């Protein structure tokens, strides 16, 4: 997923949710150290993975799973919300880039 796509998609999604232009948009760059995991409480927020794709990364959330090395996942989810768990199964640090959308309720 590209940042251009997300920036075009988000206004339509927010309008469909009844939020219209009442939301914040930010970029978040995360370093996931080798062989570790990170949990994020993104309740009411939307995280869009836009860079840092790797077969060593696994992202799970209420929205679904992003894990290109999984034999049982046949669709990668780039939009994540709720409790997000990011796992780096590799032997080097990974740099992930997200666009984060926070609706103002």
PDB file of N, CA and C in Angstrom:
ATOM      1  N   UNK A   1       0.847  -1.164   0.000  1.00  0.00           N
ATOM      2  CA  UNK A   1       0.000   0.000   0.000  1.00  0.00           C
ATOM      3  C   UNK A   1       0.899   1.235   0.000  1.00  0.00           C
ATOM      4  N   UNK A   2       0.560   2.190  -0.810  1.00  0.00           N
ATOM      5  CA  UNK A   2       1.364   3.398  -0.902  1.00  0.00           C
ATOM      6  C   UNK A   2       0.762   4.530  -0.076  1.00  0.00           C
ATOM      7  N   UNK A   3       1.584   5.486   0.264  1.00  0.00           N
ATOM      8  CA  UNK A   3       1.082   6.636   1.018  1.00  0.00           C
ATOM      9  C   UNK A   3       0.073   7.421   0.177  1.00  0.00           C
ATOM     10  N   UNK A   4       0.303   7.489  -1.128  1.00  0.00           N
ATOM     11  CA  UNK A   4      -0.634   8.200  -2.006  1.00  0.00           C
ATOM     12  C   UNK A   4      -2.018   7.554  -1.965  1.00  0.00           C
ATOM     13  N   UNK A   5      -2.045   6.228  -1.991  1.00  0.00           N
ATOM     14  CA  UNK A   5      -3.326   5.525  -1.927  1.00  0.00           C
ATOM     15  C   UNK A   5      -4.027   5.811  -0.603  1.00  0.00           C
ATOM     16  N   UNK A   6      -3.294   5.694   0.505  1.00  0.00           N
ATOM     17  CA  UNK A   6      -3.886   5.922   1.831  1.00  0.00           C
ATOM     18  C   UNK A   6      -4.433   7.344   1.932  1.00  0.00           C
ATOM     19  N   UNK A   7      -3.658   8.325   1.473  1.00  0.00           N
ATOM     20  CA  UNK A   7      -4.094   9.716   1.569  1.00  0.00           C
ATOM     21  C   UNK A   7      -5.331   9.993   0.710  1.00  0.00           C
ATOM     22  N   UNK A   8      -5.518   9.245  -0.358  1.00  0.00           N
ATOM     23  CA  UNK A   8      -6.729   9.369  -1.171  1.00  0.00           C
ATOM     24  C   UNK A   8      -7.890   8.584  -0.558  1.00  0.00           C
ATOM     25  N   UNK A   9      -7.593   7.468   0.091  1.00  0.00           N
ATOM     26  CA  UNK A   9      -8.611   6.571   0.643  1.00  0.00           C
ATOM     27  C   UNK A   9      -9.208   7.093   1.953  1.00  0.00           C
ATOM     28  N   UNK A  10      -8.384   7.643   2.807  1.00  0.00           N
ATOM     29  CA  UNK A  10      -8.816   8.025   4.157  1.00  0.00           C
ATOM     30  C   UNK A  10      -9.989   9.006   4.153  1.00  0.00           C
ATOM     31  N   UNK A  11      -9.985  10.071   3.369  1.00  0.00           N
ATOM     32  CA  UNK A  11     -11.138  10.976   3.400  1.00  0.00           C
ATOM     33  C   UNK A  11     -12.463  10.273   3.075  1.00  0.00           C
ATOM     34  N   UNK A  12     -12.432   9.346   2.119  1.00  0.00           N
ATOM     35  CA  UNK A  12     -13.661   8.601   1.784  1.00  0.00           C
ATOM     36  C   UNK A  12     -14.088   7.711   2.948  1.00  0.00           C
ATOM     37  N   UNK A  13     -13.128   7.042   3.590  1.00  0.00           N
ATOM     38  CA  UNK A  13     -13.442   6.169   4.727  1.00  0.00           C
ATOM     39  C   UNK A  13     -14.010   6.983   5.887  1.00  0.00           C
ATOM     40  N   UNK A  14     -13.388   8.112   6.176  1.00  0.00           N
ATOM     41  CA  UNK A  14     -13.859   8.947   7.290  1.00  0.00           C
ATOM     42  C   UNK A  14     -15.256   9.492   7.007  1.00  0.00           C
ATOM     43  N   UNK A  15     -15.506   9.866   5.761  1.00  0.00           N
ATOM     44  CA  UNK A  15     -16.841  10.349   5.401  1.00  0.00           C
ATOM     45  C   UNK A  15     -17.869   9.233   5.572  1.00  0.00           C
ATOM     46  N   UNK A  16     -17.524   8.019   5.158  1.00  0.00           N
ATOM     47  CA  UNK A  16     -18.433   6.880   5.300  1.00  0.00           C
ATOM     48  C   UNK A  16     -18.696   6.564   6.777  1.00  0.00           C
ATOM     49  N   UNK A  17     -17.728   6.843   7.630  1.00  0.00           N
ATOM     50  CA  UNK A  17     -17.891   6.615   9.073  1.00  0.00           C
ATOM     51  C   UNK A  17     -18.638   7.755   9.759  1.00  0.00           C
ATOM     52  N   UNK A  18     -18.932   8.826   9.019  1.00  0.00           N
ATOM     53  CA  UNK A  18     -19.626   9.970   9.595  1.00  0.00           C
ATOM     54  C   UNK A  18     -18.701  10.954  10.285  1.00  0.00           C
ATOM     55  N   UNK A  19     -17.390  10.802  10.077  1.00  0.00           N
ATOM     56  CA  UNK A  19     -16.404  11.672  10.718  1.00  0.00           C
ATOM     57  C   UNK A  19     -16.116  12.901   9.850  1.00  0.00           C
ATOM     58  N   UNK A  20     -16.317  12.777   8.553  1.00  0.00           N
ATOM     59  CA  UNK A  20     -16.003  13.816   7.577  1.00  0.00           C
ATOM     60  C   UNK A  20     -14.552  14.263   7.724  1.00  0.00           C
ATOM     61  N   UNK A  21     -14.295  15.547   7.949  1.00  0.00           N
ATOM     62  CA  UNK A  21     -12.927  16.055   8.058  1.00  0.00           C
ATOM     63  C   UNK A  21     -12.449  16.154   9.502  1.00  0.00           C
ATOM     64  N   UNK A  22     -13.188  15.584  10.419  1.00  0.00           N
ATOM     65  CA  UNK A  22     -12.874  15.697  11.843  1.00  0.00           C
ATOM     66  C   UNK A  22     -11.965  14.550  12.291  1.00  0.00           C
ATOM     67  N   UNK A  23     -10.729  14.551  11.797  1.00  0.00           N
ATOM     68  CA  UNK A  23      -9.750  13.527  12.156  1.00  0.00           C
ATOM     69  C   UNK A  23      -8.348  14.093  12.046  1.00  0.00           C
ATOM     70  N   UNK A  24      -7.420  13.425  12.736  1.00  0.00           N
ATOM     71  CA  UNK A  24      -6.006  13.784  12.668  1.00  0.00           C
ATOM     72  C   UNK A  24      -5.287  12.724  11.860  1.00  0.00           C
ATOM     73  N   UNK A  25      -4.288  13.148  11.128  1.00  0.00           N
ATOM     74  CA  UNK A  25      -3.490  12.232  10.329  1.00  0.00           C
ATOM     75  C   UNK A  25      -2.022  12.475  10.672  1.00  0.00           C
ATOM     76  N   UNK A  26      -1.297  11.393  10.951  1.00  0.00           N
ATOM     77  CA  UNK A  26       0.117  11.521  11.296  1.00  0.00           C
ATOM     78  C   UNK A  26       0.897  10.345  10.725  1.00  0.00           C
ATOM     79  N   UNK A  27       2.186  10.495  10.665  1.00  0.00           N
ATOM     80  CA  UNK A  27       3.068   9.409  10.245  1.00  0.00           C
ATOM     81  C   UNK A  27       3.743   8.851  11.485  1.00  0.00           C
ATOM     82  N   UNK A  28       3.937   7.563  11.517  1.00  0.00           N
ATOM     83  CA  UNK A  28       4.625   6.927  12.638  1.00  0.00           C
ATOM     84  C   UNK A  28       5.655   5.950  12.086  1.00  0.00           C
ATOM     85  N   UNK A  29       6.911   6.159  12.453  1.00  0.00           N
ATOM     86  CA  UNK A  29       8.009   5.290  12.049  1.00  0.00           C
ATOM     87  C   UNK A  29       8.436   4.476  13.261  1.00  0.00           C
ATOM     88  N   UNK A  30       8.411   3.168  13.121  1.00  0.00           N
ATOM     89  CA  UNK A  30       8.741   2.280  14.232  1.00  0.00           C
ATOM     90  C   UNK A  30       9.964   1.439  13.907  1.00  0.00           C
ATOM     91  N   UNK A  31      10.809   1.256  14.894  1.00  0.00           N
ATOM     92  CA  UNK A  31      11.930   0.328  14.795  1.00  0.00           C
ATOM     93  C   UNK A  31      11.561  -0.877  15.650  1.00  0.00           C
ATOM     94  N   UNK A  32      11.472  -2.031  15.001  1.00  0.00           N
ATOM     95  CA  UNK A  32      11.183  -3.268  15.719  1.00  0.00           C
ATOM     96  C   UNK A  32      12.494  -4.045  15.797  1.00  0.00           C
ATOM     97  N   UNK A  33      13.027  -4.136  16.984  1.00  0.00           N
ATOM     98  CA  UNK A  33      14.324  -4.797  17.157  1.00  0.00           C
ATOM     99  C   UNK A  33      14.218  -6.276  16.812  1.00  0.00           C
ATOM    100  N   UNK A  34      15.346  -6.854  16.429  1.00  0.00           N
ATOM    101  CA  UNK A  34      15.383  -8.253  16.009  1.00  0.00           C
ATOM    102  C   UNK A  34      14.792  -9.165  17.085  1.00  0.00           C
ATOM    103  N   UNK A  35      14.024 -10.147  16.633  1.00  0.00           N
ATOM    104  CA  UNK A  35      13.437 -11.187  17.484  1.00  0.00           C
ATOM    105  C   UNK A  35      12.647 -10.624  18.665  1.00  0.00           C
ATOM    106  N   UNK A  36      11.913  -9.518  18.429  1.00  0.00           N
ATOM    107  CA  UNK A  36      11.073  -8.950  19.484  1.00  0.00           C
ATOM    108  C   UNK A  36       9.684  -8.665  18.928  1.00  0.00           C
ATOM    109  N   UNK A  37       8.801  -8.265  19.823  1.00  0.00           N
ATOM    110  CA  UNK A  37       7.468  -7.863  19.395  1.00  0.00           C
ATOM    111  C   UNK A  37       7.086  -6.570  20.104  1.00  0.00           C
ATOM    112  N   UNK A  38       6.108  -5.893  19.547  1.00  0.00           N
ATOM    113  CA  UNK A  38       5.621  -4.623  20.071  1.00  0.00           C
ATOM    114  C   UNK A  38       4.105  -4.659  20.039  1.00  0.00           C
ATOM    115  N   UNK A  39       3.481  -4.212  21.127  1.00  0.00           N
ATOM    116  CA  UNK A  39       2.026  -4.107  21.167  1.00  0.00           C
ATOM    117  C   UNK A  39       1.632  -2.637  21.210  1.00  0.00           C
ATOM    118  N   UNK A  40       0.613  -2.300  20.429  1.00  0.00           N
ATOM    119  CA  UNK A  40       0.117  -0.925  20.352  1.00  0.00           C
ATOM    120  C   UNK A  40      -1.376  -0.954  20.626  1.00  0.00           C
ATOM    121  N   UNK A  41      -1.833  -0.079  21.524  1.00  0.00           N
ATOM    122  CA  UNK A  41      -3.265   0.075  21.731  1.00  0.00           C
ATOM    123  C   UNK A  41      -3.754   1.146  20.761  1.00  0.00           C
ATOM    124  N   UNK A  42      -4.361   0.706  19.685  1.00  0.00           N
ATOM    125  CA  UNK A  42      -4.841   1.618  18.652  1.00  0.00           C
ATOM    126  C   UNK A  42      -6.366   1.623  18.599  1.00  0.00           C
ATOM    127  N   UNK A  43      -6.988   1.516  19.756  1.00  0.00           N
ATOM    128  CA  UNK A  43      -8.444   1.552  19.822  1.00  0.00           C
ATOM    129  C   UNK A  43      -8.938   2.884  19.276  1.00  0.00           C
ATOM    130  N   UNK A  44      -9.823   2.826  18.316  1.00  0.00           N
ATOM    131  CA  UNK A  44     -10.363   4.027  17.701  1.00  0.00           C
ATOM    132  C   UNK A  44      -9.427   4.690  16.710  1.00  0.00           C
ATOM    133  N   UNK A  45      -8.303   4.052  16.407  1.00  0.00           N
ATOM    134  CA  UNK A  45      -7.329   4.582  15.460  1.00  0.00           C
ATOM    135  C   UNK A  45      -7.155   3.590  14.315  1.00  0.00           C
ATOM    136  N   UNK A  46      -6.596   4.072  13.223  1.00  0.00           N
ATOM    137  CA  UNK A  46      -6.338   3.223  12.067  1.00  0.00           C
ATOM    138  C   UNK A  46      -4.871   3.378  11.662  1.00  0.00           C
ATOM    139  N   UNK A  47      -4.152   2.276  11.642  1.00  0.00           N
ATOM    140  CA  UNK A  47      -2.747   2.243  11.234  1.00  0.00           C
ATOM    141  C   UNK A  47      -2.674   1.632   9.842  1.00  0.00           C
ATOM    142  N   UNK A  48      -2.020   2.345   8.916  1.00  0.00           N
ATOM    143  CA  UNK A  48      -1.841   1.863   7.546  1.00  0.00           C
ATOM    144  C   UNK A  48      -0.353   1.635   7.301  1.00  0.00           C
ATOM    145  N   UNK A  49       0.021   0.390   7.051  1.00  0.00           N
ATOM    146  CA  UNK A  49       1.410   0.053   6.747  1.00  0.00           C
ATOM    147  C   UNK A  49       1.729   0.517   5.330  1.00  0.00           C
ATOM    148  N   UNK A  50       2.728   1.414   5.215  1.00  0.00           N
ATOM    149  CA  UNK A  50       3.068   1.939   3.897  1.00  0.00           C
ATOM    150  C   UNK A  50       4.499   1.618   3.467  1.00  0.00           C
ATOM    151  N   UNK A  51       5.352   1.174   4.399  1.00  0.00           N
ATOM    152  CA  UNK A  51       6.730   0.825   4.032  1.00  0.00           C
ATOM    153  C   UNK A  51       7.341  -0.026   5.132  1.00  0.00           C
ATOM    154  N   UNK A  52       8.354  -0.790   4.745  1.00  0.00           N
ATOM    155  CA  UNK A  52       9.034  -1.663   5.686  1.00  0.00           C
ATOM    156  C   UNK A  52       8.613  -3.110   5.523  1.00  0.00           C
ATOM    157  N   UNK A  53       8.060  -3.425   4.387  1.00  0.00           N
ATOM    158  CA  UNK A  53       7.571  -4.777   4.124  1.00  0.00           C
ATOM    159  C   UNK A  53       8.717  -5.782   4.208  1.00  0.00           C
ATOM    160  N   UNK A  54       8.487  -6.881   4.904  1.00  0.00           N
ATOM    161  CA  UNK A  54       9.522  -7.901   5.084  1.00  0.00           C
ATOM    162  C   UNK A  54       8.856  -9.233   5.383  1.00  0.00           C
ATOM    163  N   UNK A  55       9.428 -10.331   4.894  1.00  0.00           N
ATOM    164  CA  UNK A  55       8.894 -11.650   5.260  1.00  0.00           C
ATOM    165  C   UNK A  55       9.122 -11.979   6.735  1.00  0.00           C
ATOM    166  N   UNK A  56       9.943 -11.186   7.433  1.00  0.00           N
ATOM    167  CA  UNK A  56      10.201 -11.425   8.859  1.00  0.00           C
ATOM    168  C   UNK A  56       9.175 -10.776   9.775  1.00  0.00           C
ATOM    169  N   UNK A  57       8.274  -9.977   9.214  1.00  0.00           N
ATOM    170  CA  UNK A  57       7.329  -9.243  10.041  1.00  0.00           C
ATOM    171  C   UNK A  57       5.951  -9.896  10.031  1.00  0.00           C
ATOM    172  N   UNK A  58       5.322  -9.873  11.198  1.00  0.00           N
ATOM    173  CA  UNK A  58       3.946 -10.334  11.327  1.00  0.00           C
ATOM    174  C   UNK A  58       3.184  -9.267  12.109  1.00  0.00           C
ATOM    175  N   UNK A  59       2.059  -8.823  11.555  1.00  0.00           N
ATOM    176  CA  UNK A  59       1.220  -7.830  12.213  1.00  0.00           C
ATOM    177  C   UNK A  59      -0.169  -8.418  12.361  1.00  0.00           C
ATOM    178  N   UNK A  60      -0.676  -8.436  13.581  1.00  0.00           N
ATOM    179  CA  UNK A  60      -2.038  -8.902  13.817  1.00  0.00           C
ATOM    180  C   UNK A  60      -2.808  -7.811  14.557  1.00  0.00           C
ATOM    181  N   UNK A  61      -4.090  -7.717  14.243  1.00  0.00           N
ATOM    182  CA  UNK A  61      -4.959  -6.737  14.892  1.00  0.00           C
ATOM    183  C   UNK A  61      -6.396  -7.209  14.765  1.00  0.00           C
ATOM    184  N   UNK A  62      -7.309  -6.378  15.272  1.00  0.00           N
ATOM    185  CA  UNK A  62      -8.728  -6.688  15.120  1.00  0.00           C
ATOM    186  C   UNK A  62      -9.151  -6.701  13.658  1.00  0.00           C
ATOM    187  N   UNK A  63      -8.379  -6.024  12.807  1.00  0.00           N
ATOM    188  CA  UNK A  63      -8.712  -5.938  11.375  1.00  0.00           C
ATOM    189  C   UNK A  63      -8.259  -7.141  10.577  1.00  0.00           C
ATOM    190  N   UNK A  64      -7.219  -7.835  11.067  1.00  0.00           N
ATOM    191  CA  UNK A  64      -6.707  -8.968  10.310  1.00  0.00           C
ATOM    192  C   UNK A  64      -5.226  -9.165  10.520  1.00  0.00           C
ATOM    193  N   UNK A  65      -4.597  -9.809   9.529  1.00  0.00           N
ATOM    194  CA  UNK A  65      -3.198 -10.215   9.642  1.00  0.00           C
ATOM    195  C   UNK A  65      -2.423  -9.762   8.420  1.00  0.00           C
ATOM    196  N   UNK A  66      -1.207  -9.290   8.667  1.00  0.00           N
ATOM    197  CA  UNK A  66      -0.240  -9.069   7.596  1.00  0.00           C
ATOM    198  C   UNK A  66       0.940  -9.969   7.908  1.00  0.00           C
ATOM    199  N   UNK A  67       1.130 -11.012   7.108  1.00  0.00           N
ATOM    200  CA  UNK A  67       2.225 -11.971   7.339  1.00  0.00           C
ATOM    201  C   UNK A  67       2.469 -12.717   6.034  1.00  0.00           C
ATOM    202  N   UNK A  68       3.407 -12.209   5.233  1.00  0.00           N
ATOM    203  CA  UNK A  68       3.633 -12.795   3.912  1.00  0.00           C
ATOM    204  C   UNK A  68       4.273 -14.176   3.975  1.00  0.00           C
ATOM    205  N   UNK A  69       4.815 -14.559   5.123  1.00  0.00           N
ATOM    206  CA  UNK A  69       5.440 -15.883   5.227  1.00  0.00           C
ATOM    207  C   UNK A  69       4.481 -16.943   5.760  1.00  0.00           C
ATOM    208  N   UNK A  70       3.264 -16.556   6.096  1.00  0.00           N
ATOM    209  CA  UNK A  70       2.287 -17.501   6.629  1.00  0.00           C
ATOM    210  C   UNK A  70       1.685 -18.357   5.513  1.00  0.00           C
ATOM    211  N   UNK A  71       1.592 -19.644   5.774  1.00  0.00           N
ATOM    212  CA  UNK A  71       0.993 -20.562   4.803  1.00  0.00           C
ATOM    213  C   UNK A  71      -0.530 -20.563   4.882  1.00  0.00           C
ATOM    214  N   UNK A  72      -1.104 -20.011   5.961  1.00  0.00           N
ATOM    215  CA  UNK A  72      -2.559 -20.065   6.114  1.00  0.00           C
ATOM    216  C   UNK A  72      -3.246 -18.733   5.840  1.00  0.00           C
ATOM    217  N   UNK A  73      -2.493 -17.660   5.703  1.00  0.00           N
ATOM    218  CA  UNK A  73      -3.074 -16.352   5.404  1.00  0.00           C
ATOM    219  C   UNK A  73      -3.004 -16.126   3.901  1.00  0.00           C
ATOM    220  N   UNK A  74      -4.168 -15.884   3.291  1.00  0.00           N
ATOM    221  CA  UNK A  74      -4.170 -15.695   1.841  1.00  0.00           C
ATOM    222  C   UNK A  74      -4.520 -14.267   1.428  1.00  0.00           C
ATOM    223  N   UNK A  75      -4.673 -13.397   2.409  1.00  0.00           N
ATOM    224  CA  UNK A  75      -4.922 -11.984   2.110  1.00  0.00           C
ATOM    225  C   UNK A  75      -4.215 -11.140   3.162  1.00  0.00           C
ATOM    226  N   UNK A  76      -3.398 -10.214   2.718  1.00  0.00           N
ATOM    227  CA  UNK A  76      -2.640  -9.357   3.628  1.00  0.00           C
ATOM    228  C   UNK A  76      -3.456  -8.121   3.978  1.00  0.00           C
ATOM    229  N   UNK A  77      -3.546  -7.844   5.267  1.00  0.00           N
ATOM    230  CA  UNK A  77      -4.283  -6.677   5.744  1.00  0.00           C
ATOM    231  C   UNK A  77      -3.299  -5.535   5.994  1.00  0.00           C
ATOM    232  N   UNK A  78      -3.502  -4.409   5.339  1.00  0.00           N
ATOM    233  CA  UNK A  78      -2.630  -3.239   5.521  1.00  0.00           C
ATOM    234  C   UNK A  78      -3.220  -2.240   6.498  1.00  0.00           C
ATOM    235  N   UNK A  79      -4.511  -2.326   6.778  1.00  0.00           N
ATOM    236  CA  UNK A  79      -5.178  -1.433   7.725  1.00  0.00           C
ATOM    237  C   UNK A  79      -5.359  -2.181   9.038  1.00  0.00           C
ATOM    238  N   UNK A  80      -4.893  -1.571  10.129  1.00  0.00           N
ATOM    239  CA  UNK A  80      -4.972  -2.228  11.432  1.00  0.00           C
ATOM    240  C   UNK A  80      -5.568  -1.282  12.455  1.00  0.00           C
ATOM    241  N   UNK A  81      -6.343  -1.856  13.386  1.00  0.00           N
ATOM    242  CA  UNK A  81      -6.997  -1.090  14.436  1.00  0.00           C
ATOM    243  C   UNK A  81      -7.132  -1.951  15.685  1.00  0.00           C
ATOM    244  N   UNK A  82      -7.448  -1.310  16.816  1.00  0.00           N
ATOM    245  CA  UNK A  82      -7.571  -2.040  18.075  1.00  0.00           C
ATOM    246  C   UNK A  82      -6.204  -2.407  18.631  1.00  0.00           C
ATOM    247  N   UNK A  83      -6.126  -3.565  19.251  1.00  0.00           N
ATOM    248  CA  UNK A  83      -4.837  -4.031  19.768  1.00  0.00           C
ATOM    249  C   UNK A  83      -4.015  -4.562  18.597  1.00  0.00           C
ATOM    250  N   UNK A  84      -2.863  -3.941  18.361  1.00  0.00           N
ATOM    251  CA  UNK A  84      -1.985  -4.333  17.265  1.00  0.00           C
ATOM    252  C   UNK A  84      -0.739  -4.980  17.855  1.00  0.00           C
ATOM    253  N   UNK A  85      -0.397  -6.159  17.342  1.00  0.00           N
ATOM    254  CA  UNK A  85       0.839  -6.829  17.748  1.00  0.00           C
ATOM    255  C   UNK A  85       1.731  -6.950  16.525  1.00  0.00           C
ATOM    256  N   UNK A  86       2.933  -6.412  16.648  1.00  0.00           N
ATOM    257  CA  UNK A  86       3.918  -6.473  15.565  1.00  0.00           C
ATOM    258  C   UNK A  86       5.068  -7.341  16.046  1.00  0.00           C
ATOM    259  N   UNK A  87       5.364  -8.369  15.286  1.00  0.00           N
ATOM    260  CA  UNK A  87       6.437  -9.303  15.660  1.00  0.00           C
ATOM    261  C   UNK A  87       7.500  -9.321  14.574  1.00  0.00           C
ATOM    262  N   UNK A  88       8.744  -9.176  15.002  1.00  0.00           N
ATOM    263  CA  UNK A  88       9.895  -9.294  14.106  1.00  0.00           C
ATOM    264  C   UNK A  88      10.536 -10.645  14.377  1.00  0.00           C
ATOM    265  N   UNK A  89      10.399 -11.561  13.444  1.00  0.00           N
ATOM    266  CA  UNK A  89      10.967 -12.905  13.603  1.00  0.00           C
ATOM    267  C   UNK A  89      12.393 -12.990  13.063  1.00  0.00           C
ATOM    268  N   UNK A  90      12.890 -11.897  12.533  1.00  0.00           N
ATOM    269  CA  UNK A  90      14.190 -11.902  11.876  1.00  0.00           C
ATOM    270  C   UNK A  90      15.358 -11.661  12.817  1.00  0.00           C
ATOM    271  N   UNK A  91      16.543 -11.654  12.213  1.00  0.00           N
ATOM    272  CA  UNK A  91      17.780 -11.477  12.977  1.00  0.00           C
ATOM    273  C   UNK A  91      18.360 -10.073  12.830  1.00  0.00           C
ATOM    274  N   UNK A  92      17.571  -9.148  12.275  1.00  0.00           N
ATOM    275  CA  UNK A  92      18.006  -7.754  12.202  1.00  0.00           C
ATOM    276  C   UNK A  92      16.812  -6.836  12.496  1.00  0.00           C
ATOM    277  N   UNK A  93      17.109  -5.611  12.870  1.00  0.00           N
ATOM    278  CA  UNK A  93      16.053  -4.653  13.159  1.00  0.00           C
ATOM    279  C   UNK A  93      15.269  -4.329  11.888  1.00  0.00           C
ATOM    280  N   UNK A  94      13.990  -4.044  12.061  1.00  0.00           N
ATOM    281  CA  UNK A  94      13.137  -3.665  10.940  1.00  0.00           C
ATOM    282  C   UNK A  94      12.573  -2.268  11.169  1.00  0.00           C
ATOM    283  N   UNK A  95      12.438  -1.516  10.097  1.00  0.00           N
ATOM    284  CA  UNK A  95      11.908  -0.168  10.151  1.00  0.00           C
ATOM    285  C   UNK A  95      10.568  -0.160   9.425  1.00  0.00           C
ATOM    286  N   UNK A  96       9.507   0.121  10.153  1.00  0.00           N
ATOM    287  CA  UNK A  96       8.159   0.131   9.583  1.00  0.00           C
ATOM    288  C   UNK A  96       7.628   1.551   9.568  1.00  0.00           C
ATOM    289  N   UNK A  97       6.920   1.887   8.508  1.00  0.00           N
ATOM    290  CA  UNK A  97       6.358   3.215   8.359  1.00  0.00           C
ATOM    291  C   UNK A  97       4.836   3.092   8.232  1.00  0.00           C
ATOM    292  N   UNK A  98       4.137   3.830   9.068  1.00  0.00           N
ATOM    293  CA  UNK A  98       2.681   3.809   9.091  1.00  0.00           C
ATOM    294  C   UNK A  98       2.137   5.216   8.919  1.00  0.00           C
ATOM    295  N   UNK A  99       0.976   5.297   8.302  1.00  0.00           N
ATOM    296  CA  UNK A  99       0.146   6.489   8.401  1.00  0.00           C
ATOM    297  C   UNK A  99      -0.910   6.143   9.442  1.00  0.00           C
ATOM    298  N   UNK A 100      -1.090   7.019  10.413  1.00  0.00           N
ATOM    299  CA  UNK A 100      -2.046   6.794  11.497  1.00  0.00           C
ATOM    300  C   UNK A 100      -3.160   7.828  11.376  1.00  0.00           C
ATOM    301  N   UNK A 101      -4.395   7.339  11.414  1.00  0.00           N
ATOM    302  CA  UNK A 101      -5.561   8.202  11.350  1.00  0.00           C
ATOM    303  C   UNK A 101      -6.324   8.088  12.672  1.00  0.00           C
ATOM    304  N   UNK A 102      -6.583   9.240  13.283  1.00  0.00           N
ATOM    305  CA  UNK A 102      -7.267   9.275  14.577  1.00  0.00           C
ATOM    306  C   UNK A 102      -8.526  10.129  14.429  1.00  0.00           C
ATOM    307  N   UNK A 103      -9.697   9.498  14.353  1.00  0.00           N
ATOM    308  CA  UNK A 103     -10.939  10.255  14.289  1.00  0.00           C
ATOM    309  C   UNK A 103     -11.162  11.019  15.597  1.00  0.00           C
ATOM    310  N   UNK A 104     -11.601  12.255  15.491  1.00  0.00           N
ATOM    311  CA  UNK A 104     -11.954  13.049  16.680  1.00  0.00           C
ATOM    312  C   UNK A 104     -13.431  12.864  16.945  1.00  0.00           C
ATOM    313  N   UNK A 105     -13.753  12.203  18.020  1.00  0.00           N
ATOM    314  CA  UNK A 105     -15.169  11.948  18.329  1.00  0.00           C
ATOM    315  C   UNK A 105     -15.713  12.987  19.265  1.00  0.00           C
TER     316      UNK A 105
END
